[in-house]
């Protein structure tokens, strides 16, 4: 295992809601950091703090020992990892934290191996607040030795790292986790809708639900947001809809039927378009407004 005190050459590609706090923590930990983002301007604070701006994923990867990738979907992951591989030297470790299909992770691992690089699919669970605190949960798929070699960096951004197995196992785990997340949010929304229909006062109902052992920490956070009417994005409804599609695709390929997930996905897809940029907890008032449907 690498000594956590060693300053390493690191790159972060993708500076969205999660990539930015991850990069911020790596820079604060004293690592030599290069950053790249498709949308200009998001790197300004990081560059001011000492990170190096890169014009492309290939340039970000040039000279880096480890490259983090945190992008939205399979197409972006393929494009960005392909760019990283164009600039990376043999021996570079790519830590892809994007939520994608396991088949995509396996294909990117094969492409990385062909270039003499190691690829780890390491999607995460946790909010933007958890990312800022270094309290994410990582699900890692790929070579165990490569994972051990980057545990010092993962410890900067994560409170737990779960080694799940070979390439694709990390992303498979994330799909299972997000299936539970999505169905749990729909369940919370329906519970609120039912209670309201039965004449319960909304604030008292939400307080009662949040006080029970049957409500998860994630559901409780979203119930509290629903009470306050504040849906600042930690994980957007748009991303939840995207992940529902990945889960359904993976389940179909595996021959698994998920009726509760199908209903939750249909509910999320029926949400108003202007809700998609809000936190996924916005499904609670959305379901309330349509009487639980």
C-alpha atoms as a PDB file:
ATOM      1  CA  UNK A   1       0.000   0.000   0.000  1.00  0.00           C
ATOM      2  CA  UNK A   2       1.247   3.464  -0.882  1.00  0.00           C
ATOM      3  CA  UNK A   3       2.355   5.778   1.927  1.00  0.00           C
ATOM      4  CA  UNK A   4      -0.398   8.399   2.312  1.00  0.00           C
ATOM      5  CA  UNK A   5       2.240  11.103   2.856  1.00  0.00           C
ATOM      6  CA  UNK A   6       3.658  10.777  -0.678  1.00  0.00           C
ATOM      7  CA  UNK A   7       2.824  13.631  -3.056  1.00  0.00           C
ATOM      8  CA  UNK A   8       1.515  12.127  -6.271  1.00  0.00           C
ATOM      9  CA  UNK A   9       0.860  13.365  -9.798  1.00  0.00           C
ATOM     10  CA  UNK A  10      -2.884  13.147 -10.213  1.00  0.00           C
ATOM     11  CA  UNK A  11      -5.436  14.291 -12.784  1.00  0.00           C
ATOM     12  CA  UNK A  12      -9.184  14.738 -12.454  1.00  0.00           C
ATOM     13  CA  UNK A  13     -11.290  14.786 -15.612  1.00  0.00           C
ATOM     14  CA  UNK A  14     -14.889  15.899 -15.150  1.00  0.00           C
ATOM     15  CA  UNK A  15     -15.638  18.721 -12.714  1.00  0.00           C
ATOM     16  CA  UNK A  16     -19.361  18.450 -12.136  1.00  0.00           C
ATOM     17  CA  UNK A  17     -21.239  18.208  -8.848  1.00  0.00           C
ATOM     18  CA  UNK A  18     -19.036  15.332  -7.654  1.00  0.00           C
ATOM     19  CA  UNK A  19     -15.818  15.828  -9.610  1.00  0.00           C
ATOM     20  CA  UNK A  20     -15.184  19.301  -8.233  1.00  0.00           C
ATOM     21  CA  UNK A  21     -15.203  18.379  -4.515  1.00  0.00           C
ATOM     22  CA  UNK A  22     -13.116  15.285  -5.292  1.00  0.00           C
ATOM     23  CA  UNK A  23     -10.524  17.423  -7.083  1.00  0.00           C
ATOM     24  CA  UNK A  24     -10.646  20.002  -4.289  1.00  0.00           C
ATOM     25  CA  UNK A  25      -9.840  17.390  -1.665  1.00  0.00           C
ATOM     26  CA  UNK A  26      -6.976  15.900  -3.683  1.00  0.00           C
ATOM     27  CA  UNK A  27      -5.461  19.346  -4.144  1.00  0.00           C
ATOM     28  CA  UNK A  28      -5.883  20.193  -0.459  1.00  0.00           C
ATOM     29  CA  UNK A  29      -4.134  16.929   0.416  1.00  0.00           C
ATOM     30  CA  UNK A  30      -1.029  18.259  -1.334  1.00  0.00           C
ATOM     31  CA  UNK A  31      -1.078  16.297  -4.565  1.00  0.00           C
ATOM     32  CA  UNK A  32       0.169  17.705  -7.882  1.00  0.00           C
ATOM     33  CA  UNK A  33      -3.151  18.095  -9.671  1.00  0.00           C
ATOM     34  CA  UNK A  34      -4.103  18.592 -13.309  1.00  0.00           C
ATOM     35  CA  UNK A  35      -7.764  19.173 -14.163  1.00  0.00           C
ATOM     36  CA  UNK A  36      -9.926  19.092 -17.260  1.00  0.00           C
ATOM     37  CA  UNK A  37     -13.613  19.760 -17.805  1.00  0.00           C
ATOM     38  CA  UNK A  38     -15.675  19.817 -20.969  1.00  0.00           C
ATOM     39  CA  UNK A  39     -17.494  23.014 -19.912  1.00  0.00           C
ATOM     40  CA  UNK A  40     -15.053  25.937 -19.604  1.00  0.00           C
ATOM     41  CA  UNK A  41     -14.860  27.890 -16.358  1.00  0.00           C
ATOM     42  CA  UNK A  42     -15.634  25.197 -13.816  1.00  0.00           C
ATOM     43  CA  UNK A  43     -11.940  24.790 -13.063  1.00  0.00           C
ATOM     44  CA  UNK A  44     -11.390  28.454 -12.127  1.00  0.00           C
ATOM     45  CA  UNK A  45     -11.357  28.010  -8.344  1.00  0.00           C
ATOM     46  CA  UNK A  46      -9.175  24.925  -8.584  1.00  0.00           C
ATOM     47  CA  UNK A  47      -6.664  26.643 -10.865  1.00  0.00           C
ATOM     48  CA  UNK A  48      -6.557  29.623  -8.540  1.00  0.00           C
ATOM     49  CA  UNK A  49      -5.829  27.206  -5.674  1.00  0.00           C
ATOM     50  CA  UNK A  50      -2.909  25.648  -7.539  1.00  0.00           C
ATOM     51  CA  UNK A  51      -4.244  23.050  -9.972  1.00  0.00           C
ATOM     52  CA  UNK A  52      -3.056  23.035 -13.574  1.00  0.00           C
ATOM     53  CA  UNK A  53      -5.639  23.583 -16.301  1.00  0.00           C
ATOM     54  CA  UNK A  54      -5.489  21.035 -19.126  1.00  0.00           C
ATOM     55  CA  UNK A  55      -6.926  21.599 -22.610  1.00  0.00           C
ATOM     56  CA  UNK A  56      -7.903  17.933 -23.059  1.00  0.00           C
ATOM     57  CA  UNK A  57      -8.149  14.626 -21.200  1.00  0.00           C
ATOM     58  CA  UNK A  58      -4.993  13.495 -23.003  1.00  0.00           C
ATOM     59  CA  UNK A  59      -3.032  16.497 -21.701  1.00  0.00           C
ATOM     60  CA  UNK A  60      -4.444  16.031 -18.199  1.00  0.00           C
ATOM     61  CA  UNK A  61      -3.228  12.422 -18.237  1.00  0.00           C
ATOM     62  CA  UNK A  62       0.219  13.234 -19.606  1.00  0.00           C
ATOM     63  CA  UNK A  63       2.680  12.635 -16.774  1.00  0.00           C
ATOM     64  CA  UNK A  64      -0.026  11.629 -14.287  1.00  0.00           C
ATOM     65  CA  UNK A  65       0.339   8.503 -12.188  1.00  0.00           C
ATOM     66  CA  UNK A  66      -3.393   8.293 -11.508  1.00  0.00           C
ATOM     67  CA  UNK A  67      -6.315   9.783 -13.446  1.00  0.00           C
ATOM     68  CA  UNK A  68      -9.786  10.151 -11.960  1.00  0.00           C
ATOM     69  CA  UNK A  69     -12.726  10.211 -14.357  1.00  0.00           C
ATOM     70  CA  UNK A  70     -16.123  11.452 -13.162  1.00  0.00           C
ATOM     71  CA  UNK A  71     -18.553  12.030 -16.024  1.00  0.00           C
ATOM     72  CA  UNK A  72     -22.274  11.626 -16.594  1.00  0.00           C
ATOM     73  CA  UNK A  73     -22.887   8.643 -18.830  1.00  0.00           C
ATOM     74  CA  UNK A  74     -21.473   5.786 -20.902  1.00  0.00           C
ATOM     75  CA  UNK A  75     -20.823   7.870 -24.009  1.00  0.00           C
ATOM     76  CA  UNK A  76     -18.920  10.492 -22.018  1.00  0.00           C
ATOM     77  CA  UNK A  77     -16.942   7.836 -20.138  1.00  0.00           C
ATOM     78  CA  UNK A  78     -15.897   6.162 -23.382  1.00  0.00           C
ATOM     79  CA  UNK A  79     -14.855   9.475 -24.913  1.00  0.00           C
ATOM     80  CA  UNK A  80     -12.977  10.751 -21.868  1.00  0.00           C
ATOM     81  CA  UNK A  81     -11.206   7.485 -21.044  1.00  0.00           C
ATOM     82  CA  UNK A  82     -10.252   7.205 -24.707  1.00  0.00           C
ATOM     83  CA  UNK A  83      -8.743  10.692 -24.485  1.00  0.00           C
ATOM     84  CA  UNK A  84      -6.954   9.817 -21.252  1.00  0.00           C
ATOM     85  CA  UNK A  85      -5.434   6.738 -22.871  1.00  0.00           C
ATOM     86  CA  UNK A  86      -4.148   8.870 -25.742  1.00  0.00           C
ATOM     87  CA  UNK A  87      -1.962  10.798 -23.290  1.00  0.00           C
ATOM     88  CA  UNK A  88      -1.297   8.309 -20.517  1.00  0.00           C
ATOM     89  CA  UNK A  89       1.960   6.437 -20.136  1.00  0.00           C
ATOM     90  CA  UNK A  90       2.082   2.704 -19.472  1.00  0.00           C
ATOM     91  CA  UNK A  91       1.513   2.051 -15.790  1.00  0.00           C
ATOM     92  CA  UNK A  92      -1.010   4.846 -15.327  1.00  0.00           C
ATOM     93  CA  UNK A  93      -4.022   3.887 -13.196  1.00  0.00           C
ATOM     94  CA  UNK A  94      -7.429   5.157 -14.307  1.00  0.00           C
ATOM     95  CA  UNK A  95     -10.053   5.425 -11.584  1.00  0.00           C
ATOM     96  CA  UNK A  96     -13.403   5.784 -13.318  1.00  0.00           C
ATOM     97  CA  UNK A  97     -16.062   6.948 -10.857  1.00  0.00           C
ATOM     98  CA  UNK A  98     -18.771   7.356 -13.489  1.00  0.00           C
ATOM     99  CA  UNK A  99     -22.003   5.375 -13.189  1.00  0.00           C
ATOM    100  CA  UNK A 100     -22.121   3.286 -16.361  1.00  0.00           C
ATOM    101  CA  UNK A 101     -23.027  -0.212 -17.512  1.00  0.00           C
ATOM    102  CA  UNK A 102     -20.761  -3.051 -16.341  1.00  0.00           C
ATOM    103  CA  UNK A 103     -20.147  -3.938 -20.003  1.00  0.00           C
ATOM    104  CA  UNK A 104     -18.824  -0.417 -20.562  1.00  0.00           C
ATOM    105  CA  UNK A 105     -16.449  -0.798 -17.617  1.00  0.00           C
ATOM    106  CA  UNK A 106     -15.182  -4.121 -18.945  1.00  0.00           C
ATOM    107  CA  UNK A 107     -14.621  -2.665 -22.410  1.00  0.00           C
ATOM    108  CA  UNK A 108     -12.711   0.302 -20.989  1.00  0.00           C
ATOM    109  CA  UNK A 109     -10.639  -2.038 -18.827  1.00  0.00           C
ATOM    110  CA  UNK A 110      -9.679  -4.037 -21.915  1.00  0.00           C
ATOM    111  CA  UNK A 111      -8.779  -0.875 -23.835  1.00  0.00           C
ATOM    112  CA  UNK A 112      -6.681   0.327 -20.897  1.00  0.00           C
ATOM    113  CA  UNK A 113      -4.890  -3.000 -20.571  1.00  0.00           C
ATOM    114  CA  UNK A 114      -4.015  -2.867 -24.270  1.00  0.00           C
ATOM    115  CA  UNK A 115      -2.231   0.432 -23.580  1.00  0.00           C
ATOM    116  CA  UNK A 116      -0.417  -0.948 -20.532  1.00  0.00           C
ATOM    117  CA  UNK A 117      -2.646   0.971 -18.092  1.00  0.00           C
ATOM    118  CA  UNK A 118      -4.827  -0.263 -15.243  1.00  0.00           C
ATOM    119  CA  UNK A 119      -8.521   0.622 -15.154  1.00  0.00           C
ATOM    120  CA  UNK A 120     -10.630   0.498 -12.010  1.00  0.00           C
ATOM    121  CA  UNK A 121     -14.386   1.035 -12.117  1.00  0.00           C
ATOM    122  CA  UNK A 122     -14.994   2.895  -8.849  1.00  0.00           C
ATOM    123  CA  UNK A 123     -18.448   4.489  -8.810  1.00  0.00           C
ATOM    124  CA  UNK A 124     -19.449   6.098  -5.551  1.00  0.00           C
ATOM    125  CA  UNK A 125     -22.412   6.440  -3.239  1.00  0.00           C
ATOM    126  CA  UNK A 126     -22.938   9.672  -1.356  1.00  0.00           C
ATOM    127  CA  UNK A 127     -24.065  13.241  -1.769  1.00  0.00           C
ATOM    128  CA  UNK A 128     -22.081  16.303  -2.788  1.00  0.00           C
ATOM    129  CA  UNK A 129     -21.816  17.028   0.939  1.00  0.00           C
ATOM    130  CA  UNK A 130     -20.245  13.608   1.500  1.00  0.00           C
ATOM    131  CA  UNK A 131     -17.828  14.282  -1.366  1.00  0.00           C
ATOM    132  CA  UNK A 132     -16.778  17.580   0.217  1.00  0.00           C
ATOM    133  CA  UNK A 133     -16.177  15.813   3.542  1.00  0.00           C
ATOM    134  CA  UNK A 134     -14.292  12.883   2.017  1.00  0.00           C
ATOM    135  CA  UNK A 135     -17.022  10.514   3.166  1.00  0.00           C
ATOM    136  CA  UNK A 136     -18.045   8.848  -0.103  1.00  0.00           C
ATOM    137  CA  UNK A 137     -18.463   5.082  -0.370  1.00  0.00           C
ATOM    138  CA  UNK A 138     -16.540   3.502  -3.257  1.00  0.00           C
ATOM    139  CA  UNK A 139     -17.452   0.272  -5.040  1.00  0.00           C
ATOM    140  CA  UNK A 140     -14.302  -0.942  -6.802  1.00  0.00           C
ATOM    141  CA  UNK A 141     -13.991  -3.387  -9.656  1.00  0.00           C
ATOM    142  CA  UNK A 142     -10.711  -4.422 -11.241  1.00  0.00           C
ATOM    143  CA  UNK A 143      -7.227  -5.634 -10.399  1.00  0.00           C
ATOM    144  CA  UNK A 144      -6.668  -5.964  -6.635  1.00  0.00           C
ATOM    145  CA  UNK A 145      -3.024  -4.887  -6.825  1.00  0.00           C
ATOM    146  CA  UNK A 146      -3.931  -1.758  -8.790  1.00  0.00           C
ATOM    147  CA  UNK A 147      -6.601  -0.960  -6.209  1.00  0.00           C
ATOM    148  CA  UNK A 148      -4.142  -1.371  -3.336  1.00  0.00           C
ATOM    149  CA  UNK A 149      -1.785   1.024  -5.105  1.00  0.00           C
ATOM    150  CA  UNK A 150      -4.330   3.860  -5.059  1.00  0.00           C
ATOM    151  CA  UNK A 151      -5.966   3.352  -1.678  1.00  0.00           C
ATOM    152  CA  UNK A 152      -4.099   6.381  -0.314  1.00  0.00           C
ATOM    153  CA  UNK A 153      -5.827   8.592  -2.895  1.00  0.00           C
ATOM    154  CA  UNK A 154      -9.216   6.981  -2.414  1.00  0.00           C
ATOM    155  CA  UNK A 155      -8.862   7.564   1.334  1.00  0.00           C
ATOM    156  CA  UNK A 156      -8.756  11.303   0.617  1.00  0.00           C
ATOM    157  CA  UNK A 157     -12.243  11.234  -0.900  1.00  0.00           C
ATOM    158  CA  UNK A 158     -13.928   8.180   0.609  1.00  0.00           C
ATOM    159  CA  UNK A 159     -14.743   6.858   4.041  1.00  0.00           C
ATOM    160  CA  UNK A 160     -15.109   3.296   2.759  1.00  0.00           C
ATOM    161  CA  UNK A 161     -13.757   1.355  -0.216  1.00  0.00           C
ATOM    162  CA  UNK A 162     -15.489  -1.920  -1.087  1.00  0.00           C
ATOM    163  CA  UNK A 163     -13.469  -4.270  -3.314  1.00  0.00           C
ATOM    164  CA  UNK A 164     -16.238  -5.992  -5.289  1.00  0.00           C
ATOM    165  CA  UNK A 165     -14.350  -8.209  -7.731  1.00  0.00           C
ATOM    166  CA  UNK A 166     -13.144  -8.054 -11.342  1.00  0.00           C
ATOM    167  CA  UNK A 167     -13.793  -5.297 -13.884  1.00  0.00           C
ATOM    168  CA  UNK A 168     -17.458  -4.364 -14.008  1.00  0.00           C
ATOM    169  CA  UNK A 169     -18.165  -5.477 -10.441  1.00  0.00           C
ATOM    170  CA  UNK A 170     -17.953  -1.913  -9.140  1.00  0.00           C
ATOM    171  CA  UNK A 171     -20.474  -0.551 -11.608  1.00  0.00           C
ATOM    172  CA  UNK A 172     -22.731  -3.585 -11.120  1.00  0.00           C
ATOM    173  CA  UNK A 173     -22.783  -2.815  -7.400  1.00  0.00           C
ATOM    174  CA  UNK A 174     -23.583   0.841  -8.056  1.00  0.00           C
ATOM    175  CA  UNK A 175     -26.566  -0.139 -10.205  1.00  0.00           C
ATOM    176  CA  UNK A 176     -27.884  -2.340  -7.383  1.00  0.00           C
ATOM    177  CA  UNK A 177     -27.374   0.509  -4.907  1.00  0.00           C
ATOM    178  CA  UNK A 178     -29.122   3.035  -7.140  1.00  0.00           C
ATOM    179  CA  UNK A 179     -31.979   0.625  -7.746  1.00  0.00           C
ATOM    180  CA  UNK A 180     -32.542   0.671  -3.997  1.00  0.00           C
ATOM    181  CA  UNK A 181     -32.154   4.458  -3.922  1.00  0.00           C
ATOM    182  CA  UNK A 182     -34.687   5.055  -6.684  1.00  0.00           C
ATOM    183  CA  UNK A 183     -37.275   2.641  -5.345  1.00  0.00           C
ATOM    184  CA  UNK A 184     -36.767   4.025  -1.847  1.00  0.00           C
ATOM    185  CA  UNK A 185     -37.474   7.571  -2.983  1.00  0.00           C
ATOM    186  CA  UNK A 186     -40.626   6.448  -4.757  1.00  0.00           C
ATOM    187  CA  UNK A 187     -41.688   4.567  -1.629  1.00  0.00           C
ATOM    188  CA  UNK A 188     -41.168   7.686   0.509  1.00  0.00           C
ATOM    189  CA  UNK A 189     -43.134   9.753  -1.987  1.00  0.00           C
ATOM    190  CA  UNK A 190     -46.028   7.307  -1.963  1.00  0.00           C
ATOM    191  CA  UNK A 191     -46.029   7.168   1.848  1.00  0.00           C
ATOM    192  CA  UNK A 192     -46.358  10.949   1.990  1.00  0.00           C
ATOM    193  CA  UNK A 193     -49.039  10.914  -0.686  1.00  0.00           C
ATOM    194  CA  UNK A 194     -50.995   8.223   1.182  1.00  0.00           C
ATOM    195  CA  UNK A 195     -50.788  10.029   4.508  1.00  0.00           C
ATOM    196  CA  UNK A 196     -51.946  13.293   2.958  1.00  0.00           C
ATOM    197  CA  UNK A 197     -54.856  11.538   1.250  1.00  0.00           C
ATOM    198  CA  UNK A 198     -55.864  10.123   4.649  1.00  0.00           C
ATOM    199  CA  UNK A 199     -56.031  13.634   6.057  1.00  0.00           C
ATOM    200  CA  UNK A 200     -52.710  13.876   7.906  1.00  0.00           C
ATOM    201  CA  UNK A 201     -51.015  17.256   8.327  1.00  0.00           C
ATOM    202  CA  UNK A 202     -47.940  17.273   6.085  1.00  0.00           C
ATOM    203  CA  UNK A 203     -45.256  18.452   8.514  1.00  0.00           C
ATOM    204  CA  UNK A 204     -46.371  16.083  11.270  1.00  0.00           C
ATOM    205  CA  UNK A 205     -46.498  13.224   8.765  1.00  0.00           C
ATOM    206  CA  UNK A 206     -42.977  13.885   7.489  1.00  0.00           C
ATOM    207  CA  UNK A 207     -41.658  14.175  11.045  1.00  0.00           C
ATOM    208  CA  UNK A 208     -43.289  10.867  11.953  1.00  0.00           C
ATOM    209  CA  UNK A 209     -41.922   9.076   8.906  1.00  0.00           C
ATOM    210  CA  UNK A 210     -38.419  10.448   9.466  1.00  0.00           C
ATOM    211  CA  UNK A 211     -38.451   9.269  13.094  1.00  0.00           C
ATOM    212  CA  UNK A 212     -38.933   5.606  12.188  1.00  0.00           C
ATOM    213  CA  UNK A 213     -36.375   2.863  11.654  1.00  0.00           C
ATOM    214  CA  UNK A 214     -37.906   1.980   8.281  1.00  0.00           C
ATOM    215  CA  UNK A 215     -36.680   5.239   6.723  1.00  0.00           C
ATOM    216  CA  UNK A 216     -33.092   5.246   5.427  1.00  0.00           C
ATOM    217  CA  UNK A 217     -30.690   8.146   5.901  1.00  0.00           C
ATOM    218  CA  UNK A 218     -31.124   9.036   2.231  1.00  0.00           C
ATOM    219  CA  UNK A 219     -34.921   8.996   2.483  1.00  0.00           C
ATOM    220  CA  UNK A 220     -34.805  11.024   5.702  1.00  0.00           C
ATOM    221  CA  UNK A 221     -32.637  13.687   4.033  1.00  0.00           C
ATOM    222  CA  UNK A 222     -35.080  13.926   1.131  1.00  0.00           C
ATOM    223  CA  UNK A 223     -38.106  14.032   3.451  1.00  0.00           C
ATOM    224  CA  UNK A 224     -36.523  16.923   5.337  1.00  0.00           C
ATOM    225  CA  UNK A 225     -35.895  18.674   2.018  1.00  0.00           C
ATOM    226  CA  UNK A 226     -39.534  18.103   1.063  1.00  0.00           C
ATOM    227  CA  UNK A 227     -40.674  19.650   4.326  1.00  0.00           C
ATOM    228  CA  UNK A 228     -38.510  22.702   3.627  1.00  0.00           C
ATOM    229  CA  UNK A 229     -39.420  22.785  -0.063  1.00  0.00           C
ATOM    230  CA  UNK A 230     -35.714  22.919  -1.003  1.00  0.00           C
ATOM    231  CA  UNK A 231     -34.313  20.636  -3.668  1.00  0.00           C
ATOM    232  CA  UNK A 232     -30.751  21.834  -4.255  1.00  0.00           C
ATOM    233  CA  UNK A 233     -29.140  19.093  -6.327  1.00  0.00           C
ATOM    234  CA  UNK A 234     -26.944  16.566  -4.578  1.00  0.00           C
ATOM    235  CA  UNK A 235     -28.014  13.889  -7.048  1.00  0.00           C
ATOM    236  CA  UNK A 236     -30.376  15.169  -9.701  1.00  0.00           C
ATOM    237  CA  UNK A 237     -33.615  13.610 -10.829  1.00  0.00           C
ATOM    238  CA  UNK A 238     -32.151  13.647 -14.356  1.00  0.00           C
ATOM    239  CA  UNK A 239     -29.317  11.411 -13.172  1.00  0.00           C
ATOM    240  CA  UNK A 240     -31.788   9.152 -11.406  1.00  0.00           C
ATOM    241  CA  UNK A 241     -33.765   8.787 -14.645  1.00  0.00           C
ATOM    242  CA  UNK A 242     -30.517   8.032 -16.491  1.00  0.00           C
ATOM    243  CA  UNK A 243     -29.560   5.397 -13.936  1.00  0.00           C
ATOM    244  CA  UNK A 244     -33.006   3.809 -14.094  1.00  0.00           C
ATOM    245  CA  UNK A 245     -32.324   3.271 -17.796  1.00  0.00           C
ATOM    246  CA  UNK A 246     -28.958   1.640 -17.062  1.00  0.00           C
ATOM    247  CA  UNK A 247     -30.502  -0.616 -14.425  1.00  0.00           C
ATOM    248  CA  UNK A 248     -33.312  -1.681 -16.741  1.00  0.00           C
ATOM    249  CA  UNK A 249     -30.849  -2.383 -19.545  1.00  0.00           C
ATOM    250  CA  UNK A 250     -28.564  -4.449 -17.311  1.00  0.00           C
ATOM    251  CA  UNK A 251     -31.519  -6.303 -15.792  1.00  0.00           C
ATOM    252  CA  UNK A 252     -32.937  -7.151 -19.220  1.00  0.00           C
ATOM    253  CA  UNK A 253     -29.563  -8.488 -20.353  1.00  0.00           C
ATOM    254  CA  UNK A 254     -29.373 -10.628 -17.217  1.00  0.00           C
ATOM    255  CA  UNK A 255     -32.956 -11.864 -17.566  1.00  0.00           C
ATOM    256  CA  UNK A 256     -34.094 -10.296 -14.297  1.00  0.00           C
ATOM    257  CA  UNK A 257     -37.595  -8.824 -13.849  1.00  0.00           C
ATOM    258  CA  UNK A 258     -37.863  -5.796 -11.549  1.00  0.00           C
ATOM    259  CA  UNK A 259     -41.524  -4.717 -11.338  1.00  0.00           C
ATOM    260  CA  UNK A 260     -41.101  -2.280  -8.436  1.00  0.00           C
ATOM    261  CA  UNK A 261     -38.181  -0.615 -10.185  1.00  0.00           C
ATOM    262  CA  UNK A 262     -40.170  -0.384 -13.430  1.00  0.00           C
ATOM    263  CA  UNK A 263     -42.936   1.479 -11.599  1.00  0.00           C
ATOM    264  CA  UNK A 264     -40.428   3.803  -9.910  1.00  0.00           C
ATOM    265  CA  UNK A 265     -38.723   4.520 -13.231  1.00  0.00           C
ATOM    266  CA  UNK A 266     -42.044   5.301 -14.903  1.00  0.00           C
ATOM    267  CA  UNK A 267     -42.903   7.709 -12.076  1.00  0.00           C
ATOM    268  CA  UNK A 268     -39.571   9.524 -12.384  1.00  0.00           C
ATOM    269  CA  UNK A 269     -39.906   9.786 -16.161  1.00  0.00           C
ATOM    270  CA  UNK A 270     -43.362  11.313 -15.762  1.00  0.00           C
ATOM    271  CA  UNK A 271     -42.010  14.189 -13.664  1.00  0.00           C
ATOM    272  CA  UNK A 272     -42.175  17.683 -15.187  1.00  0.00           C
ATOM    273  CA  UNK A 273     -39.125  18.606 -17.227  1.00  0.00           C
ATOM    274  CA  UNK A 274     -38.375  21.559 -14.978  1.00  0.00           C
ATOM    275  CA  UNK A 275     -37.897  19.134 -12.071  1.00  0.00           C
ATOM    276  CA  UNK A 276     -35.065  17.205 -13.720  1.00  0.00           C
ATOM    277  CA  UNK A 277     -32.328  19.592 -12.590  1.00  0.00           C
ATOM    278  CA  UNK A 278     -33.467  19.424  -8.951  1.00  0.00           C
ATOM    279  CA  UNK A 279     -32.402  16.816  -6.442  1.00  0.00           C
ATOM    280  CA  UNK A 280     -34.026  13.414  -6.954  1.00  0.00           C
ATOM    281  CA  UNK A 281     -36.015  14.036  -3.768  1.00  0.00           C
ATOM    282  CA  UNK A 282     -38.246  16.329  -5.838  1.00  0.00           C
ATOM    283  CA  UNK A 283     -40.103  13.116  -6.727  1.00  0.00           C
ATOM    284  CA  UNK A 284     -41.827  13.475  -3.315  1.00  0.00           C
ATOM    285  CA  UNK A 285     -43.845  16.620  -4.107  1.00  0.00           C
ATOM    286  CA  UNK A 286     -44.209  15.433  -7.708  1.00  0.00           C
ATOM    287  CA  UNK A 287     -45.970  12.236  -6.608  1.00  0.00           C
ATOM    288  CA  UNK A 288     -47.970  14.200  -4.021  1.00  0.00           C
ATOM    289  CA  UNK A 289     -49.219  16.564  -6.721  1.00  0.00           C
ATOM    290  CA  UNK A 290     -50.546  13.752  -8.869  1.00  0.00           C
ATOM    291  CA  UNK A 291     -52.169  11.875  -5.982  1.00  0.00           C
ATOM    292  CA  UNK A 292     -49.622   9.075  -5.694  1.00  0.00           C
ATOM    293  CA  UNK A 293     -49.676   8.095  -9.356  1.00  0.00           C
END
